[in-house]
Amino acid sequence: MLDHRHDERFETYLRKFRPQVPDPLPAREMKRASRPHFGLTIWAAGCALTVAILLAATLRIVSQRRAEESHHAAAVKLTVSTPLTMRRANDLLAAAPSYKDLMNQLTFPSNSPLLPKDKQSALAVLSKEKIKL
């Protein structure tokens, strides 16, 4: 019986229930939609500018390296004829593009002393020889 009274009270409570009307949403000002192609245009221009700056920087670095390499090669070729001292060796190592290039320049100088007409350099003869394997 207790359950029956409880159920009746609950039904009576549910019959009294009336949903309330919600308050209207606050109206906001209408904003004009931005044009999507304008933002895309700015983005594309920024990308193009970035690529142009990177390309210019890369070209400048490459041209500077080439100029430095030619300067170093000329310095190594000009200084090979002088005696090799510790100071000169350190300067040549600091200026050379690589250790291997410096050693090749010092070992096989391109400005070798001139030989008389009746004699030949062994290195010159061996460099002309073609070996078939």
C-alpha atoms as a PDB file:
ATOM      1  CA  MET A   1       0.000   0.000   0.000  1.00  0.00           C
ATOM      2  CA  LEU A   2       2.793   2.236   0.709  1.00  0.00           C
ATOM      3  CA  ASP A   3       4.008   1.919  -2.831  1.00  0.00           C
ATOM      4  CA  HIS A   4       0.595   2.745  -4.201  1.00  0.00           C
ATOM      5  CA  ARG A   5       0.326   6.051  -2.282  1.00  0.00           C
ATOM      6  CA  HIS A   6       3.801   6.963  -3.308  1.00  0.00           C
ATOM      7  CA  ASP A   7       2.963   6.365  -6.961  1.00  0.00           C
ATOM      8  CA  GLU A   8      -0.172   8.522  -6.741  1.00  0.00           C
ATOM      9  CA  ARG A   9       1.710  11.417  -5.172  1.00  0.00           C
ATOM     10  CA  PHE A  10       4.343  11.177  -7.891  1.00  0.00           C
ATOM     11  CA  GLU A  11       1.682  11.230 -10.633  1.00  0.00           C
ATOM     12  CA  THR A  12       0.032  14.277  -9.040  1.00  0.00           C
ATOM     13  CA  TYR A  13       3.389  16.038  -8.958  1.00  0.00           C
ATOM     14  CA  LEU A  14       4.011  15.214 -12.612  1.00  0.00           C
ATOM     15  CA  ARG A  15       0.607  16.608 -13.642  1.00  0.00           C
ATOM     16  CA  LYS A  16       1.461  19.960 -12.049  1.00  0.00           C
ATOM     17  CA  PHE A  17       4.631  20.202 -14.121  1.00  0.00           C
ATOM     18  CA  ARG A  18       4.503  22.871 -16.860  1.00  0.00           C
ATOM     19  CA  PRO A  19       7.582  23.597 -18.988  1.00  0.00           C
ATOM     20  CA  GLN A  20       8.756  27.191 -18.946  1.00  0.00           C
ATOM     21  CA  VAL A  21       9.378  29.225 -22.046  1.00  0.00           C
ATOM     22  CA  PRO A  22      13.086  30.051 -22.365  1.00  0.00           C
ATOM     23  CA  ASP A  23      14.275  33.614 -22.554  1.00  0.00           C
ATOM     24  CA  PRO A  24      15.079  34.816 -26.049  1.00  0.00           C
ATOM     25  CA  LEU A  25      18.730  34.700 -27.081  1.00  0.00           C
ATOM     26  CA  PRO A  26      20.470  38.047 -26.968  1.00  0.00           C
ATOM     27  CA  ALA A  27      20.764  39.546 -30.423  1.00  0.00           C
ATOM     28  CA  ARG A  28      24.288  40.344 -31.540  1.00  0.00           C
ATOM     29  CA  GLU A  29      25.314  42.783 -34.173  1.00  0.00           C
ATOM     30  CA  MET A  30      25.622  41.341 -37.612  1.00  0.00           C
ATOM     31  CA  LYS A  31      29.214  41.225 -38.773  1.00  0.00           C
ATOM     32  CA  ARG A  32      30.109  41.218 -42.375  1.00  0.00           C
ATOM     33  CA  ALA A  33      31.801  37.975 -43.345  1.00  0.00           C
ATOM     34  CA  SER A  34      35.401  38.434 -44.407  1.00  0.00           C
ATOM     35  CA  ARG A  35      36.312  37.365 -47.868  1.00  0.00           C
ATOM     36  CA  PRO A  36      38.174  34.070 -47.770  1.00  0.00           C
ATOM     37  CA  HIS A  37      40.174  34.806 -50.926  1.00  0.00           C
ATOM     38  CA  PHE A  38      41.659  37.954 -49.358  1.00  0.00           C
ATOM     39  CA  GLY A  39      43.260  35.915 -46.569  1.00  0.00           C
ATOM     40  CA  LEU A  40      44.433  33.346 -49.104  1.00  0.00           C
ATOM     41  CA  THR A  41      46.007  36.103 -51.199  1.00  0.00           C
ATOM     42  CA  ILE A  42      47.914  37.465 -48.206  1.00  0.00           C
ATOM     43  CA  TRP A  43      49.077  33.957 -47.280  1.00  0.00           C
ATOM     44  CA  ALA A  44      50.270  33.245 -50.855  1.00  0.00           C
ATOM     45  CA  ALA A  45      52.115  36.583 -51.025  1.00  0.00           C
ATOM     46  CA  GLY A  46      53.835  35.826 -47.711  1.00  0.00           C
ATOM     47  CA  CYS A  47      54.929  32.402 -48.968  1.00  0.00           C
ATOM     48  CA  ALA A  48      56.253  33.872 -52.201  1.00  0.00           C
ATOM     49  CA  LEU A  49      58.190  36.524 -50.286  1.00  0.00           C
ATOM     50  CA  THR A  50      59.679  33.887 -47.972  1.00  0.00           C
ATOM     51  CA  VAL A  51      60.788  31.742 -50.929  1.00  0.00           C
ATOM     52  CA  ALA A  52      62.352  34.782 -52.629  1.00  0.00           C
ATOM     53  CA  ILE A  53      64.288  35.713 -49.486  1.00  0.00           C
ATOM     54  CA  LEU A  54      65.539  32.136 -49.007  1.00  0.00           C
ATOM     55  CA  LEU A  55      66.574  31.913 -52.672  1.00  0.00           C
ATOM     56  CA  ALA A  56      68.476  35.213 -52.501  1.00  0.00           C
ATOM     57  CA  ALA A  57      70.244  34.161 -49.298  1.00  0.00           C
ATOM     58  CA  THR A  58      71.187  30.785 -50.781  1.00  0.00           C
ATOM     59  CA  LEU A  59      72.582  32.372 -53.945  1.00  0.00           C
ATOM     60  CA  ARG A  60      74.613  34.838 -51.909  1.00  0.00           C
ATOM     61  CA  ILE A  61      76.073  32.096 -49.709  1.00  0.00           C
ATOM     62  CA  VAL A  62      76.962  29.956 -52.733  1.00  0.00           C
ATOM     63  CA  SER A  63      78.634  32.868 -54.534  1.00  0.00           C
ATOM     64  CA  GLN A  64      80.620  33.771 -51.405  1.00  0.00           C
ATOM     65  CA  ARG A  65      81.797  30.174 -51.006  1.00  0.00           C
ATOM     66  CA  ARG A  66      82.913  30.037 -54.630  1.00  0.00           C
ATOM     67  CA  ALA A  67      84.788  33.306 -54.251  1.00  0.00           C
ATOM     68  CA  GLU A  68      86.439  32.074 -51.041  1.00  0.00           C
ATOM     69  CA  GLU A  69      87.376  28.730 -52.640  1.00  0.00           C
ATOM     70  CA  SER A  70      88.956  30.440 -55.625  1.00  0.00           C
ATOM     71  CA  HIS A  71      90.787  32.818 -53.274  1.00  0.00           C
ATOM     72  CA  HIS A  72      92.004  29.917 -51.118  1.00  0.00           C
ATOM     73  CA  ALA A  73      93.079  27.894 -54.151  1.00  0.00           C
ATOM     74  CA  ALA A  74      95.014  30.877 -55.489  1.00  0.00           C
ATOM     75  CA  ALA A  75      96.602  31.449 -52.074  1.00  0.00           C
ATOM     76  CA  VAL A  76      97.644  27.798 -51.811  1.00  0.00           C
ATOM     77  CA  LYS A  77      99.089  27.791 -55.341  1.00  0.00           C
ATOM     78  CA  LEU A  78     101.014  31.005 -54.747  1.00  0.00           C
ATOM     79  CA  THR A  79     102.469  29.954 -51.432  1.00  0.00           C
ATOM     80  CA  VAL A  80     103.599  26.439 -52.391  1.00  0.00           C
ATOM     81  CA  SER A  81     106.965  27.680 -53.656  1.00  0.00           C
ATOM     82  CA  THR A  82     107.975  29.073 -50.241  1.00  0.00           C
ATOM     83  CA  PRO A  83     109.469  26.791 -47.571  1.00  0.00           C
ATOM     84  CA  LEU A  84     106.961  24.985 -45.380  1.00  0.00           C
ATOM     85  CA  THR A  85     107.113  26.113 -41.767  1.00  0.00           C
ATOM     86  CA  MET A  86     104.773  25.355 -38.881  1.00  0.00           C
ATOM     87  CA  ARG A  87     103.238  28.813 -39.121  1.00  0.00           C
ATOM     88  CA  ARG A  88     102.716  28.534 -42.874  1.00  0.00           C
ATOM     89  CA  ALA A  89     101.275  25.030 -42.497  1.00  0.00           C
ATOM     90  CA  ASN A  90      98.763  26.288 -39.922  1.00  0.00           C
ATOM     91  CA  ASP A  91      97.807  29.213 -42.168  1.00  0.00           C
ATOM     92  CA  LEU A  92      97.352  26.901 -45.151  1.00  0.00           C
ATOM     93  CA  LEU A  93      95.202  24.500 -43.103  1.00  0.00           C
ATOM     94  CA  ALA A  94      93.046  27.361 -41.888  1.00  0.00           C
ATOM     95  CA  ALA A  95      92.549  28.706 -45.417  1.00  0.00           C
ATOM     96  CA  ALA A  96      92.118  25.413 -47.304  1.00  0.00           C
ATOM     97  CA  PRO A  97      88.624  24.155 -48.204  1.00  0.00           C
ATOM     98  CA  SER A  98      89.537  20.651 -46.965  1.00  0.00           C
ATOM     99  CA  TYR A  99      92.493  18.788 -45.511  1.00  0.00           C
ATOM    100  CA  LYS A 100      92.652  16.436 -48.502  1.00  0.00           C
ATOM    101  CA  ASP A 101      92.832  19.298 -51.015  1.00  0.00           C
ATOM    102  CA  LEU A 102      95.651  20.938 -49.073  1.00  0.00           C
ATOM    103  CA  MET A 103      97.650  17.714 -48.877  1.00  0.00           C
ATOM    104  CA  ASN A 104      97.204  17.163 -52.626  1.00  0.00           C
ATOM    105  CA  GLN A 105      98.396  20.695 -53.325  1.00  0.00           C
ATOM    106  CA  LEU A 106     101.444  20.298 -51.094  1.00  0.00           C
ATOM    107  CA  THR A 107     102.308  16.803 -52.349  1.00  0.00           C
ATOM    108  CA  PHE A 108     101.700  17.389 -56.043  1.00  0.00           C
ATOM    109  CA  PRO A 109     102.092  21.104 -56.652  1.00  0.00           C
ATOM    110  CA  SER A 110     100.572  22.321 -59.896  1.00  0.00           C
ATOM    111  CA  ASN A 111     103.388  24.834 -60.421  1.00  0.00           C
ATOM    112  CA  SER A 112     106.134  22.270 -60.599  1.00  0.00           C
ATOM    113  CA  PRO A 113     109.577  23.482 -61.649  1.00  0.00           C
ATOM    114  CA  LEU A 114     110.151  23.515 -65.391  1.00  0.00           C
ATOM    115  CA  LEU A 115     112.105  20.579 -66.764  1.00  0.00           C
ATOM    116  CA  PRO A 116     114.575  20.825 -69.625  1.00  0.00           C
ATOM    117  CA  LYS A 117     113.166  19.877 -73.051  1.00  0.00           C
ATOM    118  CA  ASP A 118     115.043  16.586 -73.214  1.00  0.00           C
ATOM    119  CA  LYS A 119     113.583  15.291 -69.906  1.00  0.00           C
ATOM    120  CA  GLN A 120     110.053  14.312 -68.813  1.00  0.00           C
ATOM    121  CA  SER A 121     108.323  14.203 -65.481  1.00  0.00           C
ATOM    122  CA  ALA A 122     107.405  10.704 -64.325  1.00  0.00           C
ATOM    123  CA  LEU A 123     104.091  11.984 -62.929  1.00  0.00           C
ATOM    124  CA  ALA A 124     103.239  13.622 -66.264  1.00  0.00           C
ATOM    125  CA  VAL A 125     103.934  10.398 -68.134  1.00  0.00           C
ATOM    126  CA  LEU A 126     101.924   8.281 -65.681  1.00  0.00           C
ATOM    127  CA  SER A 127      98.997  10.677 -65.762  1.00  0.00           C
ATOM    128  CA  LYS A 128      98.743  10.291 -69.557  1.00  0.00           C
ATOM    129  CA  GLU A 129      98.813   6.501 -69.436  1.00  0.00           C
ATOM    130  CA  LYS A 130      95.444   4.809 -69.873  1.00  0.00           C
ATOM    131  CA  ILE A 131      95.101   1.516 -68.078  1.00  0.00           C
ATOM    132  CA  LYS A 132      92.456  -0.984 -69.204  1.00  0.00           C
ATOM    133  CA  LEU A 133      91.121  -3.218 -66.500  1.00  0.00           C
END
